[in-house]
Amino acid sequence: MLIPALRRFAQLLVAVGAGTTVASILLGLLVGASLSRSIAIGFYLVGCFLLIGGFFFGSRGPVRPRGDDTGGMLFRLGTRGLRWATTEEHEEAINTSAVFLSLGFVLILLGVASDSRHALF
């Protein structure tokens, strides 16, 4: 069970890392920045965005909208349109948060490793 999970995480890391690298190179060429610096900043930005997203996914409350219709949620009064989240929804929120946080942390580490302004050793 752990090996397939690590394989899926590695595939996700490669996909997000490759997309970040390509987008960073293209934006770095447009701005005129160095290649290694633009890749490092791209990893920093995407990693921070994933950390923030993971925080917000993990800190969702126990109340969810009732049904699939979420339109007009701001205009509903009382608790008629709300329900308590199920155990599966709580677990999904925690698992999604863990994936976002770990992926963001790894991308920030890749940014630190590829940054040309600071030497690791």
N, C-alpha and C. Protein backbone atom coordinates (compact mmCIF):
# COMPACT_ATOMS: atom_id res chain seq x y z
N MET A 1 0.82 -1.19 0.00
CA MET A 1 0.00 0.00 0.00
C MET A 1 0.87 1.26 0.00
N LEU A 2 2.02 1.22 0.64
CA LEU A 2 2.88 2.39 0.71
C LEU A 2 3.61 2.63 -0.62
N ILE A 3 4.03 1.56 -1.28
CA ILE A 3 4.76 1.71 -2.55
C ILE A 3 3.89 2.35 -3.64
N PRO A 4 2.64 1.90 -3.85
CA PRO A 4 1.82 2.59 -4.86
C PRO A 4 1.53 4.05 -4.50
N ALA A 5 1.40 4.35 -3.21
CA ALA A 5 1.17 5.74 -2.80
C ALA A 5 2.40 6.59 -3.10
N LEU A 6 3.58 6.06 -2.83
CA LEU A 6 4.81 6.81 -3.15
C LEU A 6 4.97 6.98 -4.65
N ARG A 7 4.56 5.98 -5.42
CA ARG A 7 4.64 6.08 -6.88
C ARG A 7 3.70 7.19 -7.39
N ARG A 8 2.48 7.24 -6.85
CA ARG A 8 1.55 8.29 -7.26
C ARG A 8 2.05 9.67 -6.84
N PHE A 9 2.63 9.76 -5.64
CA PHE A 9 3.16 11.04 -5.20
C PHE A 9 4.33 11.48 -6.08
N ALA A 10 5.19 10.53 -6.45
CA ALA A 10 6.32 10.85 -7.33
C ALA A 10 5.82 11.31 -8.70
N GLN A 11 4.79 10.67 -9.23
CA GLN A 11 4.23 11.08 -10.51
C GLN A 11 3.65 12.49 -10.42
N LEU A 12 2.96 12.77 -9.33
CA LEU A 12 2.41 14.10 -9.12
C LEU A 12 3.51 15.14 -8.97
N LEU A 13 4.57 14.79 -8.26
CA LEU A 13 5.70 15.70 -8.08
C LEU A 13 6.40 15.97 -9.41
N VAL A 14 6.58 14.95 -10.22
CA VAL A 14 7.22 15.14 -11.52
C VAL A 14 6.35 16.01 -12.43
N ALA A 15 5.04 15.77 -12.42
CA ALA A 15 4.15 16.56 -13.27
C ALA A 15 4.12 18.02 -12.85
N VAL A 16 3.98 18.28 -11.55
CA VAL A 16 3.93 19.66 -11.08
C VAL A 16 5.31 20.32 -11.24
N GLY A 17 6.36 19.57 -10.96
CA GLY A 17 7.71 20.12 -11.11
C GLY A 17 8.05 20.44 -12.55
N ALA A 18 7.66 19.57 -13.47
CA ALA A 18 7.93 19.83 -14.90
C ALA A 18 7.12 21.01 -15.39
N GLY A 19 5.87 21.09 -15.00
CA GLY A 19 5.06 22.24 -15.40
C GLY A 19 5.59 23.54 -14.84
N THR A 20 6.02 23.51 -13.60
CA THR A 20 6.60 24.69 -12.98
C THR A 20 7.90 25.10 -13.67
N THR A 21 8.72 24.11 -13.99
CA THR A 21 9.99 24.39 -14.66
C THR A 21 9.76 25.03 -16.03
N VAL A 22 8.85 24.46 -16.81
CA VAL A 22 8.59 25.00 -18.15
C VAL A 22 8.03 26.42 -18.06
N ALA A 23 7.05 26.63 -17.18
CA ALA A 23 6.46 27.96 -17.03
C ALA A 23 7.50 28.96 -16.51
N SER A 24 8.36 28.53 -15.61
CA SER A 24 9.39 29.42 -15.07
C SER A 24 10.42 29.79 -16.13
N ILE A 25 10.79 28.83 -16.95
CA ILE A 25 11.75 29.12 -18.02
C ILE A 25 11.16 30.12 -19.01
N LEU A 26 9.90 29.90 -19.39
CA LEU A 26 9.27 30.81 -20.35
C LEU A 26 9.13 32.22 -19.78
N LEU A 27 8.69 32.32 -18.52
CA LEU A 27 8.58 33.64 -17.91
C LEU A 27 9.95 34.27 -17.67
N GLY A 28 10.94 33.46 -17.33
CA GLY A 28 12.30 33.98 -17.16
C GLY A 28 12.88 34.51 -18.45
N LEU A 29 12.59 33.85 -19.57
CA LEU A 29 13.05 34.35 -20.86
C LEU A 29 12.37 35.66 -21.23
N LEU A 30 11.09 35.79 -20.89
CA LEU A 30 10.39 37.04 -21.18
C LEU A 30 10.94 38.20 -20.36
N VAL A 31 11.30 37.93 -19.13
CA VAL A 31 11.78 38.99 -18.24
C VAL A 31 13.28 39.23 -18.43
N GLY A 32 13.99 38.21 -18.88
CA GLY A 32 15.43 38.34 -19.05
C GLY A 32 16.22 37.90 -17.84
N ALA A 33 15.63 37.08 -17.00
CA ALA A 33 16.31 36.60 -15.80
C ALA A 33 17.14 35.37 -16.14
N SER A 34 18.05 35.03 -15.24
CA SER A 34 18.87 33.84 -15.46
C SER A 34 18.00 32.59 -15.32
N LEU A 35 18.44 31.54 -15.95
CA LEU A 35 17.66 30.30 -16.00
C LEU A 35 17.49 29.68 -14.62
N SER A 36 18.58 29.54 -13.88
CA SER A 36 18.49 28.91 -12.56
C SER A 36 17.68 29.75 -11.58
N ARG A 37 17.82 31.06 -11.67
CA ARG A 37 17.07 31.93 -10.76
C ARG A 37 15.57 31.90 -11.06
N SER A 38 15.20 31.87 -12.33
CA SER A 38 13.78 31.84 -12.66
C SER A 38 13.15 30.50 -12.26
N ILE A 39 13.89 29.42 -12.39
CA ILE A 39 13.38 28.12 -11.96
C ILE A 39 13.21 28.09 -10.45
N ALA A 40 14.18 28.64 -9.73
CA ALA A 40 14.10 28.67 -8.26
C ALA A 40 12.90 29.50 -7.80
N ILE A 41 12.69 30.64 -8.39
CA ILE A 41 11.56 31.49 -8.00
C ILE A 41 10.24 30.80 -8.35
N GLY A 42 10.20 30.11 -9.48
CA GLY A 42 8.99 29.36 -9.83
C GLY A 42 8.67 28.28 -8.81
N PHE A 43 9.70 27.53 -8.39
CA PHE A 43 9.49 26.51 -7.35
C PHE A 43 9.04 27.14 -6.04
N TYR A 44 9.64 28.29 -5.68
CA TYR A 44 9.24 28.98 -4.46
C TYR A 44 7.76 29.38 -4.51
N LEU A 45 7.38 30.00 -5.63
CA LEU A 45 6.00 30.50 -5.74
C LEU A 45 4.97 29.37 -5.73
N VAL A 46 5.20 28.34 -6.52
CA VAL A 46 4.24 27.24 -6.58
C VAL A 46 4.23 26.48 -5.25
N GLY A 47 5.39 26.31 -4.64
CA GLY A 47 5.45 25.65 -3.34
C GLY A 47 4.70 26.42 -2.27
N CYS A 48 4.87 27.73 -2.23
CA CYS A 48 4.15 28.55 -1.25
C CYS A 48 2.65 28.53 -1.52
N PHE A 49 2.26 28.57 -2.78
CA PHE A 49 0.84 28.50 -3.12
C PHE A 49 0.24 27.18 -2.65
N LEU A 50 0.96 26.08 -2.83
CA LEU A 50 0.46 24.78 -2.38
C LEU A 50 0.41 24.69 -0.86
N LEU A 51 1.37 25.30 -0.17
CA LEU A 51 1.32 25.32 1.30
C LEU A 51 0.10 26.09 1.80
N ILE A 52 -0.16 27.22 1.20
CA ILE A 52 -1.34 28.00 1.60
C ILE A 52 -2.62 27.24 1.27
N GLY A 53 -2.67 26.64 0.08
CA GLY A 53 -3.84 25.83 -0.27
C GLY A 53 -4.04 24.66 0.66
N GLY A 54 -2.96 24.00 1.05
CA GLY A 54 -3.06 22.89 1.99
C GLY A 54 -3.56 23.33 3.35
N PHE A 55 -3.14 24.51 3.78
CA PHE A 55 -3.63 25.03 5.05
C PHE A 55 -5.13 25.27 4.99
N PHE A 56 -5.60 25.88 3.91
CA PHE A 56 -7.03 26.18 3.82
C PHE A 56 -7.87 24.93 3.62
N PHE A 57 -7.36 23.93 2.89
CA PHE A 57 -8.11 22.68 2.76
C PHE A 57 -8.20 21.96 4.10
N GLY A 58 -7.15 22.02 4.88
CA GLY A 58 -7.15 21.32 6.16
C GLY A 58 -7.94 22.01 7.24
N SER A 59 -8.18 23.30 7.09
CA SER A 59 -8.87 24.03 8.15
C SER A 59 -10.34 24.29 7.81
N ARG A 60 -10.90 23.51 6.92
CA ARG A 60 -12.34 23.65 6.62
C ARG A 60 -13.14 23.22 7.83
N GLY A 61 -14.22 23.87 8.04
CA GLY A 61 -15.07 23.57 9.19
C GLY A 61 -15.88 22.30 8.98
N PRO A 62 -16.64 21.91 10.00
CA PRO A 62 -17.42 20.67 9.92
C PRO A 62 -18.75 20.82 9.21
N VAL A 63 -19.08 22.02 8.73
CA VAL A 63 -20.37 22.26 8.11
C VAL A 63 -20.19 22.39 6.60
N ARG A 64 -21.06 21.73 5.85
CA ARG A 64 -21.02 21.75 4.39
C ARG A 64 -22.38 22.20 3.86
N PRO A 65 -22.40 22.70 2.61
CA PRO A 65 -23.70 23.04 2.02
C PRO A 65 -24.51 21.77 1.75
N ARG A 66 -25.80 21.88 1.90
CA ARG A 66 -26.69 20.74 1.67
C ARG A 66 -26.95 20.62 0.18
N GLY A 67 -26.79 19.41 -0.37
CA GLY A 67 -27.07 19.16 -1.77
C GLY A 67 -25.95 19.67 -2.66
N ASP A 68 -26.19 19.58 -3.96
CA ASP A 68 -25.19 20.02 -4.94
C ASP A 68 -25.34 21.48 -5.29
N ASP A 69 -26.46 22.07 -4.98
CA ASP A 69 -26.72 23.46 -5.34
C ASP A 69 -26.08 24.39 -4.30
N THR A 70 -24.98 25.03 -4.67
CA THR A 70 -24.34 25.98 -3.76
C THR A 70 -24.62 27.41 -4.18
N GLY A 71 -25.35 27.61 -5.27
CA GLY A 71 -25.68 28.95 -5.72
C GLY A 71 -26.63 29.62 -4.75
N GLY A 72 -26.41 30.90 -4.50
CA GLY A 72 -27.27 31.64 -3.59
C GLY A 72 -27.02 31.31 -2.13
N MET A 73 -25.87 30.76 -1.81
CA MET A 73 -25.58 30.37 -0.43
C MET A 73 -25.51 31.58 0.49
N LEU A 74 -25.11 32.72 -0.04
CA LEU A 74 -24.99 33.91 0.78
C LEU A 74 -26.35 34.46 1.19
N PHE A 75 -27.38 34.15 0.43
CA PHE A 75 -28.69 34.73 0.69
C PHE A 75 -29.59 33.83 1.52
N ARG A 76 -29.13 32.64 1.86
CA ARG A 76 -29.93 31.74 2.68
C ARG A 76 -29.83 32.15 4.13
N LEU A 77 -30.94 32.12 4.80
CA LEU A 77 -30.94 32.46 6.22
C LEU A 77 -31.12 31.19 7.03
N GLY A 78 -30.51 31.14 8.19
CA GLY A 78 -30.65 29.98 9.05
C GLY A 78 -29.75 28.85 8.60
N THR A 79 -30.05 27.65 9.10
CA THR A 79 -29.22 26.49 8.80
C THR A 79 -29.90 25.52 7.85
N ARG A 80 -30.94 25.95 7.14
CA ARG A 80 -31.66 25.04 6.25
C ARG A 80 -30.76 24.51 5.14
N GLY A 81 -29.81 25.29 4.68
CA GLY A 81 -28.96 24.87 3.57
C GLY A 81 -27.66 24.25 4.01
N LEU A 82 -27.52 23.90 5.29
CA LEU A 82 -26.26 23.38 5.80
C LEU A 82 -26.46 22.00 6.40
N ARG A 83 -25.39 21.23 6.42
CA ARG A 83 -25.39 19.90 7.02
C ARG A 83 -24.01 19.64 7.62
N TRP A 84 -23.92 18.64 8.49
CA TRP A 84 -22.64 18.26 9.06
C TRP A 84 -21.88 17.39 8.06
N ALA A 85 -20.59 17.57 8.00
CA ALA A 85 -19.75 16.79 7.09
C ALA A 85 -19.65 15.35 7.58
N THR A 86 -19.55 14.44 6.63
CA THR A 86 -19.41 13.03 6.99
C THR A 86 -17.96 12.73 7.35
N THR A 87 -17.75 11.55 7.88
CA THR A 87 -16.39 11.13 8.24
C THR A 87 -15.51 11.05 7.00
N GLU A 88 -16.07 10.59 5.88
CA GLU A 88 -15.30 10.51 4.64
C GLU A 88 -14.87 11.89 4.16
N GLU A 89 -15.74 12.88 4.32
CA GLU A 89 -15.39 14.24 3.91
C GLU A 89 -14.29 14.82 4.81
N HIS A 90 -14.33 14.51 6.09
CA HIS A 90 -13.25 14.95 6.99
C HIS A 90 -11.93 14.31 6.59
N GLU A 91 -11.95 13.01 6.33
CA GLU A 91 -10.72 12.31 5.93
C GLU A 91 -10.19 12.83 4.61
N GLU A 92 -11.09 13.11 3.66
CA GLU A 92 -10.66 13.64 2.37
C GLU A 92 -10.02 15.01 2.54
N ALA A 93 -10.57 15.86 3.39
CA ALA A 93 -10.00 17.18 3.62
C ALA A 93 -8.60 17.07 4.23
N ILE A 94 -8.43 16.15 5.17
CA ILE A 94 -7.12 15.98 5.81
C ILE A 94 -6.12 15.39 4.81
N ASN A 95 -6.55 14.41 4.02
CA ASN A 95 -5.64 13.80 3.06
C ASN A 95 -5.24 14.77 1.95
N THR A 96 -6.19 15.55 1.47
CA THR A 96 -5.87 16.55 0.45
C THR A 96 -4.91 17.59 1.01
N SER A 97 -5.16 18.00 2.23
CA SER A 97 -4.26 18.95 2.87
C SER A 97 -2.85 18.39 3.01
N ALA A 98 -2.74 17.12 3.40
CA ALA A 98 -1.42 16.51 3.56
C ALA A 98 -0.68 16.43 2.23
N VAL A 99 -1.38 16.12 1.15
CA VAL A 99 -0.74 16.05 -0.17
C VAL A 99 -0.26 17.44 -0.58
N PHE A 100 -1.12 18.47 -0.43
CA PHE A 100 -0.72 19.82 -0.81
C PHE A 100 0.46 20.31 0.02
N LEU A 101 0.43 20.06 1.33
CA LEU A 101 1.51 20.53 2.20
C LEU A 101 2.83 19.84 1.87
N SER A 102 2.80 18.53 1.69
CA SER A 102 4.05 17.82 1.40
C SER A 102 4.58 18.17 0.01
N LEU A 103 3.69 18.32 -0.96
CA LEU A 103 4.13 18.70 -2.30
C LEU A 103 4.71 20.11 -2.30
N GLY A 104 4.08 21.02 -1.58
CA GLY A 104 4.61 22.37 -1.48
C GLY A 104 5.95 22.43 -0.78
N PHE A 105 6.10 21.65 0.27
CA PHE A 105 7.38 21.62 0.99
C PHE A 105 8.50 21.07 0.11
N VAL A 106 8.22 20.01 -0.65
CA VAL A 106 9.23 19.45 -1.54
C VAL A 106 9.59 20.44 -2.65
N LEU A 107 8.60 21.16 -3.18
CA LEU A 107 8.91 22.14 -4.22
C LEU A 107 9.75 23.29 -3.68
N ILE A 108 9.50 23.69 -2.45
CA ILE A 108 10.34 24.74 -1.86
C ILE A 108 11.77 24.24 -1.66
N LEU A 109 11.90 22.98 -1.25
CA LEU A 109 13.25 22.40 -1.13
C LEU A 109 13.94 22.33 -2.49
N LEU A 110 13.20 22.00 -3.54
CA LEU A 110 13.79 22.00 -4.88
C LEU A 110 14.19 23.41 -5.30
N GLY A 111 13.41 24.40 -4.89
CA GLY A 111 13.77 25.79 -5.18
C GLY A 111 15.04 26.20 -4.46
N VAL A 112 15.19 25.78 -3.21
CA VAL A 112 16.41 26.08 -2.45
C VAL A 112 17.61 25.39 -3.12
N ALA A 113 17.42 24.15 -3.56
CA ALA A 113 18.52 23.41 -4.18
C ALA A 113 18.91 24.01 -5.53
N SER A 114 17.98 24.59 -6.25
CA SER A 114 18.29 25.11 -7.58
C SER A 114 18.59 26.60 -7.58
N ASP A 115 18.53 27.25 -6.43
CA ASP A 115 18.79 28.69 -6.37
C ASP A 115 20.27 28.96 -6.53
N SER A 116 20.60 29.84 -7.46
CA SER A 116 22.01 30.15 -7.75
C SER A 116 22.56 31.25 -6.85
N ARG A 117 21.72 31.96 -6.15
CA ARG A 117 22.21 33.06 -5.32
C ARG A 117 22.79 32.59 -4.00
N HIS A 118 22.34 31.43 -3.53
CA HIS A 118 22.79 30.94 -2.23
C HIS A 118 23.34 29.54 -2.38
N ALA A 119 24.51 29.30 -1.81
CA ALA A 119 25.10 27.97 -1.84
C ALA A 119 24.63 27.18 -0.63
N LEU A 120 24.32 25.91 -0.82
CA LEU A 120 23.88 25.08 0.29
C LEU A 120 25.04 24.72 1.21
N PHE A 121 26.21 24.52 0.65
CA PHE A 121 27.37 24.12 1.47
C PHE A 121 28.55 25.01 1.18
